Amino acid sequence: MAIISFSILGNVVHFGARERQRLSATGCNEPYKDRYWCPRKKWFNKELCPFACKRECENYLAMCGSL
């Protein structure tokens, strides 16, 4: 069984052999099927991230130490 790679390069989202335009300005919460991409974790979440952008996430992490 092959693992599908997911990456965002510029304004293009690549997943497996397919690609499409990026929907979000920051790459956060980029939808793929019923999951949402987190560029900080480099993984998918089941629910939308509450932060507006990656910088907001990093600020919260710096203040609190963890998510």
PDB file of N, CA and C in Angstrom:
ATOM      1  N   MET A   1       0.835  -1.167   0.000  1.00  0.00           N
ATOM      2  CA  MET A   1       0.000   0.000   0.000  1.00  0.00           C
ATOM      3  C   MET A   1       0.889   1.241   0.000  1.00  0.00           C
ATOM      4  N   ALA A   2       0.678   2.141  -0.924  1.00  0.00           N
ATOM      5  CA  ALA A   2       1.492   3.343  -1.059  1.00  0.00           C
ATOM      6  C   ALA A   2       0.938   4.465  -0.183  1.00  0.00           C
ATOM      7  N   ILE A   3       1.841   5.297   0.310  1.00  0.00           N
ATOM      8  CA  ILE A   3       1.453   6.467   1.095  1.00  0.00           C
ATOM      9  C   ILE A   3       1.336   7.648   0.148  1.00  0.00           C
ATOM     10  N   ILE A   4       0.235   8.385   0.250  1.00  0.00           N
ATOM     11  CA  ILE A   4       0.036   9.559  -0.593  1.00  0.00           C
ATOM     12  C   ILE A   4       0.759  10.741   0.037  1.00  0.00           C
ATOM     13  N   SER A   5       1.592  11.399  -0.738  1.00  0.00           N
ATOM     14  CA  SER A   5       2.294  12.578  -0.222  1.00  0.00           C
ATOM     15  C   SER A   5       1.419  13.819  -0.435  1.00  0.00           C
ATOM     16  N   PHE A   6       1.491  14.752   0.503  1.00  0.00           N
ATOM     17  CA  PHE A   6       0.725  15.995   0.448  1.00  0.00           C
ATOM     18  C   PHE A   6       1.698  17.132   0.670  1.00  0.00           C
ATOM     19  N   SER A   7       1.725  18.085  -0.249  1.00  0.00           N
ATOM     20  CA  SER A   7       2.615  19.233  -0.096  1.00  0.00           C
ATOM     21  C   SER A   7       2.000  20.461  -0.752  1.00  0.00           C
ATOM     22  N   ILE A   8       2.455  21.626  -0.299  1.00  0.00           N
ATOM     23  CA  ILE A   8       2.022  22.894  -0.865  1.00  0.00           C
ATOM     24  C   ILE A   8       3.265  23.610  -1.348  1.00  0.00           C
ATOM     25  N   LEU A   9       3.326  23.835  -2.633  1.00  0.00           N
ATOM     26  CA  LEU A   9       4.456  24.534  -3.245  1.00  0.00           C
ATOM     27  C   LEU A   9       3.919  25.764  -3.961  1.00  0.00           C
ATOM     28  N   GLY A  10       4.198  26.928  -3.403  1.00  0.00           N
ATOM     29  CA  GLY A  10       3.662  28.161  -3.972  1.00  0.00           C
ATOM     30  C   GLY A  10       2.151  28.191  -3.796  1.00  0.00           C
ATOM     31  N   ASN A  11       1.431  28.340  -4.882  1.00  0.00           N
ATOM     32  CA  ASN A  11      -0.032  28.367  -4.833  1.00  0.00           C
ATOM     33  C   ASN A  11      -0.659  27.061  -5.294  1.00  0.00           C
ATOM     34  N   VAL A  12       0.147  25.999  -5.376  1.00  0.00           N
ATOM     35  CA  VAL A  12      -0.346  24.714  -5.864  1.00  0.00           C
ATOM     36  C   VAL A  12      -0.249  23.673  -4.760  1.00  0.00           C
ATOM     37  N   VAL A  13      -1.342  22.941  -4.553  1.00  0.00           N
ATOM     38  CA  VAL A  13      -1.400  21.846  -3.593  1.00  0.00           C
ATOM     39  C   VAL A  13      -1.207  20.546  -4.362  1.00  0.00           C
ATOM     40  N   HIS A  14      -0.239  19.741  -3.932  1.00  0.00           N
ATOM     41  CA  HIS A  14       0.041  18.453  -4.565  1.00  0.00           C
ATOM     42  C   HIS A  14      -0.358  17.344  -3.610  1.00  0.00           C
ATOM     43  N   PHE A  15      -1.174  16.414  -4.061  1.00  0.00           N
ATOM     44  CA  PHE A  15      -1.502  15.229  -3.272  1.00  0.00           C
ATOM     45  C   PHE A  15      -1.491  14.036  -4.206  1.00  0.00           C
ATOM     46  N   GLY A  16      -0.524  13.167  -3.960  1.00  0.00           N
ATOM     47  CA  GLY A  16      -0.322  12.040  -4.862  1.00  0.00           C
ATOM     48  C   GLY A  16       0.099  12.556  -6.230  1.00  0.00           C
ATOM     49  N   ALA A  17      -0.523  12.062  -7.274  1.00  0.00           N
ATOM     50  CA  ALA A  17      -0.233  12.507  -8.637  1.00  0.00           C
ATOM     51  C   ALA A  17      -1.122  13.679  -9.056  1.00  0.00           C
ATOM     52  N   ARG A  18      -2.005  14.117  -8.181  1.00  0.00           N
ATOM     53  CA  ARG A  18      -2.948  15.196  -8.506  1.00  0.00           C
ATOM     54  C   ARG A  18      -2.459  16.524  -7.958  1.00  0.00           C
ATOM     55  N   GLU A  19      -2.988  17.593  -8.514  1.00  0.00           N
ATOM     56  CA  GLU A  19      -2.683  18.920  -7.997  1.00  0.00           C
ATOM     57  C   GLU A  19      -3.856  19.858  -8.258  1.00  0.00           C
ATOM     58  N   ARG A  20      -3.931  20.922  -7.444  1.00  0.00           N
ATOM     59  CA  ARG A  20      -4.976  21.932  -7.589  1.00  0.00           C
ATOM     60  C   ARG A  20      -4.469  23.231  -6.979  1.00  0.00           C
ATOM     61  N   GLN A  21      -5.182  24.314  -7.226  1.00  0.00           N
ATOM     62  CA  GLN A  21      -4.832  25.604  -6.651  1.00  0.00           C
ATOM     63  C   GLN A  21      -5.081  25.591  -5.144  1.00  0.00           C
ATOM     64  N   ARG A  22      -4.248  26.296  -4.413  1.00  0.00           N
ATOM     65  CA  ARG A  22      -4.411  26.424  -2.964  1.00  0.00           C
ATOM     66  C   ARG A  22      -5.645  27.269  -2.675  1.00  0.00           C
ATOM     67  N   LEU A  23      -6.465  26.851  -1.713  1.00  0.00           N
ATOM     68  CA  LEU A  23      -7.697  27.566  -1.370  1.00  0.00           C
ATOM     69  C   LEU A  23      -7.485  28.604  -0.284  1.00  0.00           C
ATOM     70  N   SER A  24      -6.577  28.338   0.647  1.00  0.00           N
ATOM     71  CA  SER A  24      -6.326  29.274   1.738  1.00  0.00           C
ATOM     72  C   SER A  24      -5.063  30.078   1.456  1.00  0.00           C
ATOM     73  N   ALA A  25      -5.006  31.284   1.969  1.00  0.00           N
ATOM     74  CA  ALA A  25      -3.857  32.158   1.714  1.00  0.00           C
ATOM     75  C   ALA A  25      -2.594  31.670   2.413  1.00  0.00           C
ATOM     76  N   THR A  26      -2.739  31.031   3.584  1.00  0.00           N
ATOM     77  CA  THR A  26      -1.580  30.633   4.379  1.00  0.00           C
ATOM     78  C   THR A  26      -1.229  29.156   4.263  1.00  0.00           C
ATOM     79  N   GLY A  27      -2.100  28.343   3.705  1.00  0.00           N
ATOM     80  CA  GLY A  27      -1.865  26.905   3.641  1.00  0.00           C
ATOM     81  C   GLY A  27      -2.449  26.173   4.837  1.00  0.00           C
ATOM     82  N   CYS A  28      -2.871  26.922   5.863  1.00  0.00           N
ATOM     83  CA  CYS A  28      -3.515  26.327   7.037  1.00  0.00           C
ATOM     84  C   CYS A  28      -4.936  25.907   6.684  1.00  0.00           C
ATOM     85  N   ASN A  29      -5.379  24.822   7.262  1.00  0.00           N
ATOM     86  CA  ASN A  29      -6.737  24.314   7.059  1.00  0.00           C
ATOM     87  C   ASN A  29      -7.053  24.028   5.592  1.00  0.00           C
ATOM     88  N   GLU A  30      -6.057  23.656   4.839  1.00  0.00           N
ATOM     89  CA  GLU A  30      -6.274  23.304   3.436  1.00  0.00           C
ATOM     90  C   GLU A  30      -7.033  21.982   3.407  1.00  0.00           C
ATOM     91  N   PRO A  31      -8.248  21.958   2.837  1.00  0.00           N
ATOM     92  CA  PRO A  31      -9.057  20.730   2.893  1.00  0.00           C
ATOM     93  C   PRO A  31      -8.552  19.638   1.958  1.00  0.00           C
ATOM     94  N   TYR A  32      -8.665  18.415   2.436  1.00  0.00           N
ATOM     95  CA  TYR A  32      -8.399  17.220   1.634  1.00  0.00           C
ATOM     96  C   TYR A  32      -9.343  16.146   2.127  1.00  0.00           C
ATOM     97  N   LYS A  33     -10.315  15.807   1.310  1.00  0.00           N
ATOM     98  CA  LYS A  33     -11.403  14.895   1.688  1.00  0.00           C
ATOM     99  C   LYS A  33     -12.089  15.440   2.938  1.00  0.00           C
ATOM    100  N   ASP A  34     -12.137  14.703   4.038  1.00  0.00           N
ATOM    101  CA  ASP A  34     -12.822  15.206   5.238  1.00  0.00           C
ATOM    102  C   ASP A  34     -11.830  15.625   6.322  1.00  0.00           C
ATOM    103  N   ARG A  35     -10.599  15.983   5.930  1.00  0.00           N
ATOM    104  CA  ARG A  35      -9.550  16.406   6.868  1.00  0.00           C
ATOM    105  C   ARG A  35      -9.021  17.776   6.470  1.00  0.00           C
ATOM    106  N   TYR A  36      -8.250  18.390   7.395  1.00  0.00           N
ATOM    107  CA  TYR A  36      -7.697  19.721   7.161  1.00  0.00           C
ATOM    108  C   TYR A  36      -6.202  19.704   7.460  1.00  0.00           C
ATOM    109  N   TRP A  37      -5.412  20.238   6.552  1.00  0.00           N
ATOM    110  CA  TRP A  37      -3.960  20.206   6.638  1.00  0.00           C
ATOM    111  C   TRP A  37      -3.438  21.237   7.624  1.00  0.00           C
ATOM    112  N   CYS A  38      -2.511  20.813   8.473  1.00  0.00           N
ATOM    113  CA  CYS A  38      -1.819  21.700   9.406  1.00  0.00           C
ATOM    114  C   CYS A  38      -0.349  21.760   8.974  1.00  0.00           C
ATOM    115  N   PRO A  39       0.119  22.897   8.440  1.00  0.00           N
ATOM    116  CA  PRO A  39       1.513  22.968   7.989  1.00  0.00           C
ATOM    117  C   PRO A  39       2.522  22.899   9.133  1.00  0.00           C
ATOM    118  N   ARG A  40       2.139  23.299  10.345  1.00  0.00           N
ATOM    119  CA  ARG A  40       3.057  23.216  11.484  1.00  0.00           C
ATOM    120  C   ARG A  40       3.312  21.764  11.861  1.00  0.00           C
ATOM    121  N   LYS A  41       2.250  20.981  11.954  1.00  0.00           N
ATOM    122  CA  LYS A  41       2.381  19.562  12.306  1.00  0.00           C
ATOM    123  C   LYS A  41       2.754  18.695  11.107  1.00  0.00           C
ATOM    124  N   LYS A  42       2.526  19.231   9.911  1.00  0.00           N
ATOM    125  CA  LYS A  42       2.692  18.477   8.661  1.00  0.00           C
ATOM    126  C   LYS A  42       1.834  17.212   8.697  1.00  0.00           C
ATOM    127  N   TRP A  43       0.577  17.417   9.140  1.00  0.00           N
ATOM    128  CA  TRP A  43      -0.364  16.314   9.281  1.00  0.00           C
ATOM    129  C   TRP A  43      -1.780  16.846   9.144  1.00  0.00           C
ATOM    130  N   PHE A  44      -2.753  15.937   9.083  1.00  0.00           N
ATOM    131  CA  PHE A  44      -4.155  16.317   8.931  1.00  0.00           C
ATOM    132  C   PHE A  44      -4.887  16.301  10.257  1.00  0.00           C
ATOM    133  N   ASN A  45      -5.793  17.250  10.441  1.00  0.00           N
ATOM    134  CA  ASN A  45      -6.666  17.303  11.616  1.00  0.00           C
ATOM    135  C   ASN A  45      -8.082  16.950  11.184  1.00  0.00           C
ATOM    136  N   LYS A  46      -8.861  16.423  12.114  1.00  0.00           N
ATOM    137  CA  LYS A  46     -10.263  16.101  11.826  1.00  0.00           C
ATOM    138  C   LYS A  46     -11.126  17.357  11.793  1.00  0.00           C
ATOM    139  N   GLU A  47     -10.735  18.374  12.562  1.00  0.00           N
ATOM    140  CA  GLU A  47     -11.519  19.606  12.657  1.00  0.00           C
ATOM    141  C   GLU A  47     -10.684  20.786  12.200  1.00  0.00           C
ATOM    142  N   LEU A  48     -11.365  21.870  11.833  1.00  0.00           N
ATOM    143  CA  LEU A  48     -10.673  23.090  11.448  1.00  0.00           C
ATOM    144  C   LEU A  48      -9.849  23.635  12.599  1.00  0.00           C
ATOM    145  N   CYS A  49      -8.699  24.163  12.312  1.00  0.00           N
ATOM    146  CA  CYS A  49      -7.847  24.798  13.306  1.00  0.00           C
ATOM    147  C   CYS A  49      -8.497  26.130  13.717  1.00  0.00           C
ATOM    148  N   PRO A  50      -8.480  26.466  14.998  1.00  0.00           N
ATOM    149  CA  PRO A  50      -9.121  27.706  15.442  1.00  0.00           C
ATOM    150  C   PRO A  50      -8.334  28.969  15.106  1.00  0.00           C
ATOM    151  N   PHE A  51      -7.087  28.825  14.684  1.00  0.00           N
ATOM    152  CA  PHE A  51      -6.248  29.979  14.393  1.00  0.00           C
ATOM    153  C   PHE A  51      -6.452  30.461  12.961  1.00  0.00           C
ATOM    154  N   ALA A  52      -6.332  31.777  12.759  1.00  0.00           N
ATOM    155  CA  ALA A  52      -6.551  32.374  11.442  1.00  0.00           C
ATOM    156  C   ALA A  52      -5.380  32.134  10.501  1.00  0.00           C
ATOM    157  N   CYS A  53      -4.166  32.003  11.061  1.00  0.00           N
ATOM    158  CA  CYS A  53      -2.986  31.804  10.228  1.00  0.00           C
ATOM    159  C   CYS A  53      -1.910  31.057  11.015  1.00  0.00           C
ATOM    160  N   LYS A  54      -0.862  30.684  10.324  1.00  0.00           N
ATOM    161  CA  LYS A  54       0.236  29.933  10.941  1.00  0.00           C
ATOM    162  C   LYS A  54       0.937  30.777  12.004  1.00  0.00           C
ATOM    163  N   ARG A  55       1.057  32.076  11.780  1.00  0.00           N
ATOM    164  CA  ARG A  55       1.709  32.967  12.741  1.00  0.00           C
ATOM    165  C   ARG A  55       0.941  33.003  14.064  1.00  0.00           C
ATOM    166  N   GLU A  56      -0.386  33.043  13.993  1.00  0.00           N
ATOM    167  CA  GLU A  56      -1.224  33.025  15.201  1.00  0.00           C
ATOM    168  C   GLU A  56      -0.997  31.738  15.988  1.00  0.00           C
ATOM    169  N   CYS A  57      -0.874  30.641  15.292  1.00  0.00           N
ATOM    170  CA  CYS A  57      -0.604  29.338  15.900  1.00  0.00           C
ATOM    171  C   CYS A  57       0.758  29.366  16.593  1.00  0.00           C
ATOM    172  N   GLU A  58       1.769  29.914  15.918  1.00  0.00           N
ATOM    173  CA  GLU A  58       3.111  29.986  16.490  1.00  0.00           C
ATOM    174  C   GLU A  58       3.138  30.879  17.732  1.00  0.00           C
ATOM    175  N   ASN A  59       2.393  31.986  17.714  1.00  0.00           N
ATOM    176  CA  ASN A  59       2.323  32.881  18.887  1.00  0.00           C
ATOM    177  C   ASN A  59       1.700  32.156  20.082  1.00  0.00           C
ATOM    178  N   TYR A  60       0.620  31.428  19.843  1.00  0.00           N
ATOM    179  CA  TYR A  60      -0.035  30.674  20.912  1.00  0.00           C
ATOM    180  C   TYR A  60       0.915  29.627  21.480  1.00  0.00           C
ATOM    181  N   LEU A  61       1.604  28.935  20.602  1.00  0.00           N
ATOM    182  CA  LEU A  61       2.554  27.910  21.014  1.00  0.00           C
ATOM    183  C   LEU A  61       3.684  28.514  21.855  1.00  0.00           C
ATOM    184  N   ALA A  62       4.171  29.698  21.461  1.00  0.00           N
ATOM    185  CA  ALA A  62       5.243  30.365  22.206  1.00  0.00           C
ATOM    186  C   ALA A  62       4.772  30.802  23.592  1.00  0.00           C
ATOM    187  N   MET A  63       3.513  31.241  23.710  1.00  0.00           N
ATOM    188  CA  MET A  63       2.990  31.704  24.987  1.00  0.00           C
ATOM    189  C   MET A  63       2.621  30.550  25.924  1.00  0.00           C
ATOM    190  N   CYS A  64       2.051  29.487  25.356  1.00  0.00           N
ATOM    191  CA  CYS A  64       1.507  28.399  26.182  1.00  0.00           C
ATOM    192  C   CYS A  64       2.403  27.166  26.247  1.00  0.00           C
ATOM    193  N   GLY A  65       3.261  27.001  25.282  1.00  0.00           N
ATOM    194  CA  GLY A  65       4.167  25.852  25.299  1.00  0.00           C
ATOM    195  C   GLY A  65       3.671  24.649  24.532  1.00  0.00           C
ATOM    196  N   SER A  66       2.359  24.490  24.380  1.00  0.00           N
ATOM    197  CA  SER A  66       1.827  23.367  23.610  1.00  0.00           C
ATOM    198  C   SER A  66       0.410  23.676  23.167  1.00  0.00           C
ATOM    199  N   LEU A  67      -0.066  22.866  22.253  1.00  0.00           N
ATOM    200  CA  LEU A  67      -1.448  23.020  21.772  1.00  0.00           C
ATOM    201  C   LEU A  67      -2.335  21.994  22.393  1.00  0.00           C
TER     202      LEU A  67
END
